[in-house]
Protein backbone atom coordinates (compact mmCIF):
# COMPACT_ATOMS: atom_id res chain seq x y z
CA MET A 1 0.00 0.00 0.00
CA THR A 2 1.58 3.28 -1.06
CA SER A 3 0.88 6.84 -0.09
CA THR A 4 0.54 9.95 -2.20
CA ALA A 5 3.93 11.04 -0.94
CA PRO A 6 6.75 11.27 -3.51
CA TYR A 7 9.93 9.26 -3.25
CA PRO A 8 12.37 10.79 -0.78
CA SER A 9 15.29 12.59 -2.31
CA ARG A 10 18.28 10.41 -3.17
CA THR A 11 20.71 13.18 -2.35
CA PRO A 12 21.96 13.80 1.19
CA ARG A 13 19.83 16.36 3.00
CA ARG A 14 21.53 19.50 4.20
CA SER A 15 20.42 21.19 7.38
CA GLY A 16 19.48 24.37 5.50
CA GLY A 17 17.31 22.41 3.09
CA ARG A 18 15.63 20.61 5.97
CA LEU A 19 14.88 23.89 7.75
CA GLY A 20 13.36 25.18 4.53
CA ALA A 21 11.25 22.03 4.26
CA VAL A 22 10.04 22.53 7.83
CA GLY A 23 8.96 26.02 6.86
CA LEU A 24 7.07 24.61 3.86
CA VAL A 25 5.21 22.11 6.06
CA LEU A 26 4.27 24.75 8.61
CA GLY A 27 3.21 27.09 5.81
CA GLY A 28 0.96 24.40 4.36
CA ALA A 29 -0.56 23.66 7.76
CA LEU A 30 -1.18 27.35 8.43
CA SER A 31 -2.81 27.59 5.00
CA VAL A 32 -5.22 24.74 5.82
CA HIS A 33 -6.27 26.18 9.18
CA PHE A 34 -6.53 29.77 8.01
CA GLY A 35 -8.63 28.36 5.18
CA SER A 36 -10.97 26.93 7.80
CA ALA A 37 -11.17 30.38 9.39
CA VAL A 38 -12.09 31.87 6.00
CA ALA A 39 -14.77 29.17 5.67
CA ALA A 40 -16.32 30.32 8.94
CA LEU A 41 -16.58 33.84 7.49
CA LEU A 42 -18.61 32.41 4.60
CA PHE A 43 -21.19 30.67 6.81
CA PRO A 44 -23.39 33.78 7.31
CA ARG A 45 -23.44 34.38 3.55
CA VAL A 46 -24.23 30.95 2.08
CA GLY A 47 -24.64 28.60 5.04
CA VAL A 48 -22.47 25.67 6.03
CA ALA A 49 -23.52 23.39 3.15
CA GLY A 50 -23.07 26.23 0.66
CA THR A 51 -19.55 26.85 1.96
CA VAL A 52 -18.69 23.16 1.64
CA THR A 53 -19.91 23.17 -1.96
CA LEU A 54 -17.91 26.28 -2.84
CA ARG A 55 -14.76 24.89 -1.22
CA LEU A 56 -15.01 21.49 -2.93
CA ALA A 57 -16.27 22.64 -6.33
CA LEU A 58 -13.69 25.39 -6.77
CA GLY A 59 -10.95 23.23 -5.26
CA ALA A 60 -11.83 20.40 -7.66
CA ALA A 61 -11.80 22.78 -10.64
CA LEU A 62 -8.37 24.12 -9.70
CA MET A 63 -6.91 20.65 -9.07
CA LEU A 64 -8.36 19.24 -12.30
CA LEU A 65 -6.87 22.12 -14.29
CA ALA A 66 -3.51 21.68 -12.60
CA CYS A 67 -3.34 17.87 -12.80
CA ARG A 68 -5.35 17.09 -15.95
CA PRO A 69 -5.80 13.47 -14.82
CA ARG A 70 -6.01 10.69 -17.40
CA LEU A 71 -9.45 9.04 -17.31
CA ARG A 72 -8.68 5.94 -19.36
CA GLY A 73 -6.69 2.90 -18.36
CA HIS A 74 -8.05 2.48 -14.82
CA ASP A 75 -9.88 -0.65 -13.66
CA ARG A 76 -13.10 -0.90 -11.65
CA ALA A 77 -11.23 -1.19 -8.34
CA ALA A 78 -9.38 2.05 -9.04
CA TRP A 79 -12.61 3.95 -9.72
CA LEU A 80 -14.28 2.48 -6.65
CA SER A 81 -11.35 3.69 -4.56
CA VAL A 82 -11.76 7.20 -6.03
CA VAL A 83 -15.48 7.19 -5.22
CA ALA A 84 -14.79 6.04 -1.65
CA PHE A 85 -12.12 8.74 -1.30
CA GLY A 86 -14.54 11.36 -2.62
CA LEU A 87 -17.27 10.29 -0.21
CA ALA A 88 -14.80 10.49 2.69
CA LEU A 89 -13.78 14.00 1.59
CA ALA A 90 -17.40 15.13 1.25
CA GLY A 91 -18.40 13.75 4.63
CA MET A 92 -15.30 15.01 6.43
CA ASN A 93 -15.63 18.56 5.12
CA SER A 94 -19.37 18.66 5.77
CA VAL A 95 -19.27 17.55 9.41
CA PHE A 96 -16.11 19.51 10.22
CA TYR A 97 -17.67 22.74 8.95
CA GLN A 98 -20.78 21.93 11.00
CA ALA A 99 -18.44 21.66 13.99
CA ILE A 100 -16.67 25.00 13.51
CA ASP A 101 -20.05 26.66 13.03
CA ARG A 102 -20.76 25.72 16.67
CA ILE A 103 -17.42 25.61 18.54
CA PRO A 104 -14.09 27.49 18.24
CA LEU A 105 -11.64 26.31 15.60
CA GLY A 106 -8.89 25.20 18.01
CA PRO A 107 -11.01 22.78 20.08
CA ALA A 108 -12.68 21.51 16.89
CA VAL A 109 -9.34 20.50 15.36
CA THR A 110 -8.21 19.10 18.73
CA LEU A 111 -11.19 16.73 18.82
CA GLU A 112 -10.90 15.97 15.09
CA VAL A 113 -7.26 14.94 15.34
CA LEU A 114 -8.29 12.07 17.64
CA GLY A 115 -9.35 10.18 14.48
CA PRO A 116 -5.91 9.93 12.83
CA LEU A 117 -4.31 9.65 16.28
CA THR A 118 -6.41 6.53 16.95
CA LEU A 119 -5.38 5.12 13.57
CA SER A 120 -1.73 5.72 14.43
CA VAL A 121 -2.15 3.90 17.74
CA LEU A 122 -3.92 0.92 16.16
CA THR A 123 -1.30 0.51 13.41
CA ALA A 124 1.71 1.00 15.70
CA HIS A 125 1.54 -2.36 17.55
CA ARG A 126 3.69 -0.80 20.29
CA TRP A 127 2.69 -0.35 23.91
CA THR A 128 4.10 3.20 23.96
CA ALA A 129 1.44 4.22 21.43
CA TRP A 130 -1.26 3.37 23.98
CA CYS A 131 0.46 5.62 26.51
CA TRP A 132 0.18 8.49 24.05
CA ALA A 133 -3.48 7.62 23.53
CA GLY A 134 -3.99 7.91 27.29
CA LEU A 135 -2.39 11.35 27.27
CA ALA A 136 -4.72 12.41 24.44
CA LEU A 137 -7.74 11.22 26.44
CA ALA A 138 -6.48 13.20 29.41
CA GLY A 139 -6.34 16.26 27.17
CA VAL A 140 -9.92 15.68 26.01
CA ALA A 141 -11.06 15.22 29.62
CA LEU A 142 -9.34 18.49 30.51
CA LEU A 143 -11.04 20.15 27.55
CA GLY A 144 -14.33 18.93 29.02
CA GLN A 145 -13.41 20.54 32.32
CA GLY A 146 -13.31 23.80 30.42
CA GLY A 147 -16.98 23.17 29.68
CA PHE A 148 -18.27 21.03 26.80
CA ASP A 149 -21.57 22.84 27.29
CA ARG A 150 -19.67 26.07 26.54
CA LEU A 151 -18.28 24.38 23.46
CA SER A 152 -21.67 22.87 22.49
CA PRO A 153 -22.02 19.08 22.74
CA VAL A 154 -23.41 18.93 19.20
CA GLY A 155 -20.40 20.78 17.83
CA ALA A 156 -18.04 18.49 19.76
CA GLY A 157 -19.89 15.48 18.31
CA PHE A 158 -19.48 16.81 14.78
CA ALA A 159 -15.74 17.34 15.40
CA LEU A 160 -15.35 13.74 16.62
CA ALA A 161 -17.27 12.49 13.56
CA ALA A 162 -14.93 14.52 11.36
CA GLY A 163 -12.01 12.77 13.06
CA ALA A 164 -13.45 9.34 12.22
CA LEU A 165 -13.89 10.42 8.61
CA TRP A 166 -10.34 11.81 8.61
CA ALA A 167 -9.10 8.32 9.52
CA ALA A 168 -11.17 6.95 6.61
CA TYR A 169 -9.65 9.65 4.40
CA ILE A 170 -6.15 8.44 5.29
CA VAL A 171 -6.95 4.84 4.37
CA CYS A 172 -8.67 5.85 1.11
CA SER A 173 -5.85 8.26 0.24
CA ALA A 174 -3.29 5.49 0.46
CA ARG A 175 -5.38 3.19 -1.75
CA VAL A 176 -5.93 5.88 -4.37
CA GLY A 177 -2.26 6.86 -4.26
CA GLY A 178 -1.32 3.31 -5.20
CA ARG A 179 -3.56 3.32 -8.29
CA PHE A 180 -3.20 6.86 -9.72
CA PRO A 181 -0.03 8.82 -10.50
CA ARG A 182 0.87 12.12 -8.85
CA ALA A 183 -2.21 13.94 -7.53
CA ASP A 184 -4.60 12.58 -10.18
CA GLY A 185 -6.55 10.53 -7.65
CA LEU A 186 -6.95 13.49 -5.31
CA ALA A 187 -8.22 15.71 -8.14
CA LEU A 188 -10.78 13.09 -9.22
CA ALA A 189 -11.87 12.46 -5.62
CA LEU A 190 -12.41 16.20 -5.09
CA ALA A 191 -14.63 16.18 -8.20
CA VAL A 192 -16.68 13.31 -6.74
CA ALA A 193 -16.98 15.16 -3.42
CA ALA A 194 -18.10 18.33 -5.21
CA VAL A 195 -20.83 16.46 -7.10
CA VAL A 196 -22.06 14.75 -3.91
CA THR A 197 -22.32 18.02 -1.94
CA LEU A 198 -23.65 20.19 -4.78
CA PRO A 199 -27.42 19.58 -4.20
CA PHE A 200 -27.10 20.42 -0.49
CA GLY A 201 -25.07 23.53 -1.26
CA LEU A 202 -27.61 24.76 -3.79
CA LEU A 203 -30.43 24.26 -1.29
CA ASP A 204 -28.51 26.09 1.44
CA GLY A 205 -26.85 28.88 -0.52
CA GLY A 206 -29.10 29.29 -3.57
CA ALA A 207 -28.39 32.27 -5.80
CA ARG A 208 -26.10 33.77 -3.14
CA LEU A 209 -23.43 31.26 -4.24
CA TRP A 210 -22.93 33.21 -7.48
CA HIS A 211 -22.37 36.59 -5.84
CA PRO A 212 -18.95 37.94 -6.96
CA GLY A 213 -17.79 38.58 -3.38
CA THR A 214 -18.85 35.09 -2.31
CA LEU A 215 -17.09 33.51 -5.29
CA ALA A 216 -13.93 35.47 -4.47
CA LEU A 217 -13.96 34.22 -0.87
CA GLY A 218 -14.71 30.71 -2.13
CA ALA A 219 -11.76 30.85 -4.51
CA GLY A 220 -9.53 32.00 -1.66
CA LEU A 221 -10.82 29.14 0.48
CA ALA A 222 -10.10 26.61 -2.28
CA LEU A 223 -6.57 27.95 -2.71
CA LEU A 224 -5.86 27.98 1.03
CA ALA A 225 -7.44 24.58 1.75
CA SER A 226 -6.36 22.58 -1.32
CA VAL A 227 -3.92 23.93 -3.88
CA LEU A 228 -1.43 25.83 -1.71
CA PRO A 229 -1.04 23.25 1.10
CA TYR A 230 -0.75 20.34 -1.34
CA THR A 231 1.97 22.15 -3.31
CA LEU A 232 3.94 23.11 -0.20
CA GLU A 233 3.64 19.62 1.30
CA LEU A 234 4.74 17.98 -1.95
CA LEU A 235 7.85 20.17 -2.04
CA ALA A 236 8.55 19.49 1.65
CA LEU A 237 8.23 15.71 1.30
CA ARG A 238 11.06 15.72 -1.23
CA ARG A 239 13.37 16.88 1.57
CA LEU A 240 11.86 15.43 4.76
CA PRO A 241 11.12 11.87 5.93
CA THR A 242 7.38 11.26 6.17
CA SER A 243 7.72 10.57 9.90
CA THR A 244 9.14 14.08 10.47
CA PHE A 245 6.42 15.49 8.25
CA ALA A 246 3.74 13.78 10.33
CA VAL A 247 5.20 15.10 13.60
CA LEU A 248 5.04 18.64 12.23
CA MET A 249 1.45 18.11 11.11
CA SER A 250 0.60 17.15 14.69
CA LEU A 251 0.87 20.84 15.53
CA GLY A 252 -2.49 21.28 13.78
CA PRO A 253 -4.59 22.00 16.90
CA ALA A 254 -2.17 24.71 18.01
CA LEU A 255 -2.09 26.32 14.56
CA ALA A 256 -5.89 26.13 14.33
CA THR A 257 -6.15 27.90 17.69
CA LEU A 258 -3.87 30.64 16.35
CA ALA A 259 -6.01 31.00 13.19
CA GLY A 260 -9.21 31.17 15.24
CA TRP A 261 -7.74 33.83 17.49
CA LEU A 262 -6.34 36.01 14.68
CA VAL A 263 -9.13 35.72 12.11
CA LEU A 264 -12.25 34.93 14.15
CA GLU A 265 -11.26 36.58 17.48
CA GLN A 266 -11.88 33.32 19.37
CA ASP A 267 -10.39 33.41 22.86
CA LEU A 268 -9.92 30.24 24.93
CA ARG A 269 -9.53 29.67 28.66
CA PRO A 270 -6.11 28.61 30.01
CA VAL A 271 -7.42 25.11 30.83
CA GLU A 272 -8.57 24.71 27.22
CA LEU A 273 -5.18 25.82 25.91
CA LEU A 274 -3.51 23.29 28.21
CA ALA A 275 -5.84 20.56 26.93
CA ILE A 276 -4.97 21.41 23.32
CA GLY A 277 -1.28 21.27 24.21
CA LEU A 278 -1.67 17.78 25.72
CA VAL A 279 -3.37 16.50 22.56
CA VAL A 280 -0.62 18.01 20.41
CA VAL A 281 2.07 16.25 22.48
CA ALA A 282 0.11 12.99 22.35
CA SER A 283 -0.30 13.26 18.59
CA VAL A 284 3.44 13.82 18.11
CA GLY A 285 4.22 10.80 20.26
CA ALA A 286 1.65 8.60 18.52
CA VAL A 287 2.84 9.33 14.98
CA ARG A 288 6.44 8.72 16.05
CA ALA A 289 5.42 5.39 17.56
CA ALA A 290 3.55 4.47 14.36
CA ALA A 291 6.31 5.59 11.99
CA PRO A 292 7.74 2.60 10.07
CA ARG A 293 11.38 1.65 10.54
CA THR A 294 13.35 2.53 7.44
CA GLN A 295 15.99 0.35 5.82
CA GLU A 296 19.41 1.86 5.41
CA ARG A 297 20.77 2.19 1.92
CA GLY A 298 24.01 0.55 1.02
CA ASP A 299 25.84 3.87 1.23
CA GLY A 300 25.15 4.05 4.96
CA THR A 301 23.27 7.33 4.82
CA GLY A 302 20.24 5.86 6.53
CA GLU A 303 17.90 7.30 3.91
CA PRO A 304 14.79 5.27 3.06
CA ALA A 305 15.15 3.07 -0.01
CA GLY A 306 11.67 3.99 -1.30
CA PRO A 307 8.41 5.59 -0.30
CA VAL A 308 7.66 5.26 3.39
CA ALA A 309 4.04 4.21 3.52
CA GLU A 310 3.48 1.05 5.52
CA GLY A 311 3.65 0.28 9.18
CA PRO A 312 4.26 -3.05 10.89
CA ASP A 313 2.79 -6.13 9.18
CA GLY A 314 2.22 -4.09 6.02
CA GLN A 315 -0.54 -2.00 7.59
CA LEU A 316 -0.97 1.64 6.81
CA SER A 317 0.84 4.12 9.02
CA ALA A 318 -1.19 7.27 9.56
CA ALA A 319 2.10 9.14 9.57
CA ALA A 320 2.66 8.27 5.92
CA VAL A 321 -0.14 10.11 4.19
CA PRO A 322 -0.13 13.87 3.56
CA PRO A 323 -3.37 15.42 4.83
CA ALA A 324 -3.63 18.09 2.16
CA ALA A 325 -7.12 18.98 0.96
CA ARG A 326 -8.78 17.37 3.96
CA ARG A 327 -10.76 20.57 4.39
């Protein structure tokens, strides 16, 4: 099972290049979460379902133009995997946007990240991974001490559902990545997701979807949530091991909190910030525990011999799949 990640570079990595790659990863993550903040600004204009449709339809159009995927030469299993990937994308975006319509962005991403964190724990087959899972649960319990009623139980439920669909996204992404070259599978899956959500978006947003200002915000959302992060992550993965990439992506809840504070003026209590920090630490530990052991090349550099995509017993490592375009 292979991921959408490119082959690691065959040349030795220099520290300067690695620092630049770290900046690319953080830039992509900031783009995703600031995109979510932009989405929240669209809710009053076209509703949650309308925002999802704008994000997916415009994102699909941009990705299809950039990738120009080949439609012929794929078997039934490949197309079924694209459809499953598209359904996961549609569901994940829909319930996550329902979540951030009800609770602040930082806690929403904190609860959502429990989905891929659970997948990392289950694929690690190491007792240390369960320790990290316990720390994550402690963070969630602490977040509850801050007041789930303040956060809205329905919103928290939507965020947890988004996390489960994020885990499904990771599995589907790996399957599609093994059957389609480059980002072709992602572009086609975004098109499927756009078609699935279109009727709901039209019902929710109606003619307001075609307003020039709304389309401009929607285009910005598509760029921030899909095109820009995917491009930055692709460049970064040519210089960084996927395990390092995944650790950096574990900072998502903290970056989402920053985006919510700067764009949406969402303040959190100290206990909630501490809870988010615990989940970030747990996520870092879990993806490190799930990261596959790499084989050293004959030149002794310790670089992986090929794409790093599978965990123990050939199972998918959640650390191996770039999360671009998940929202």
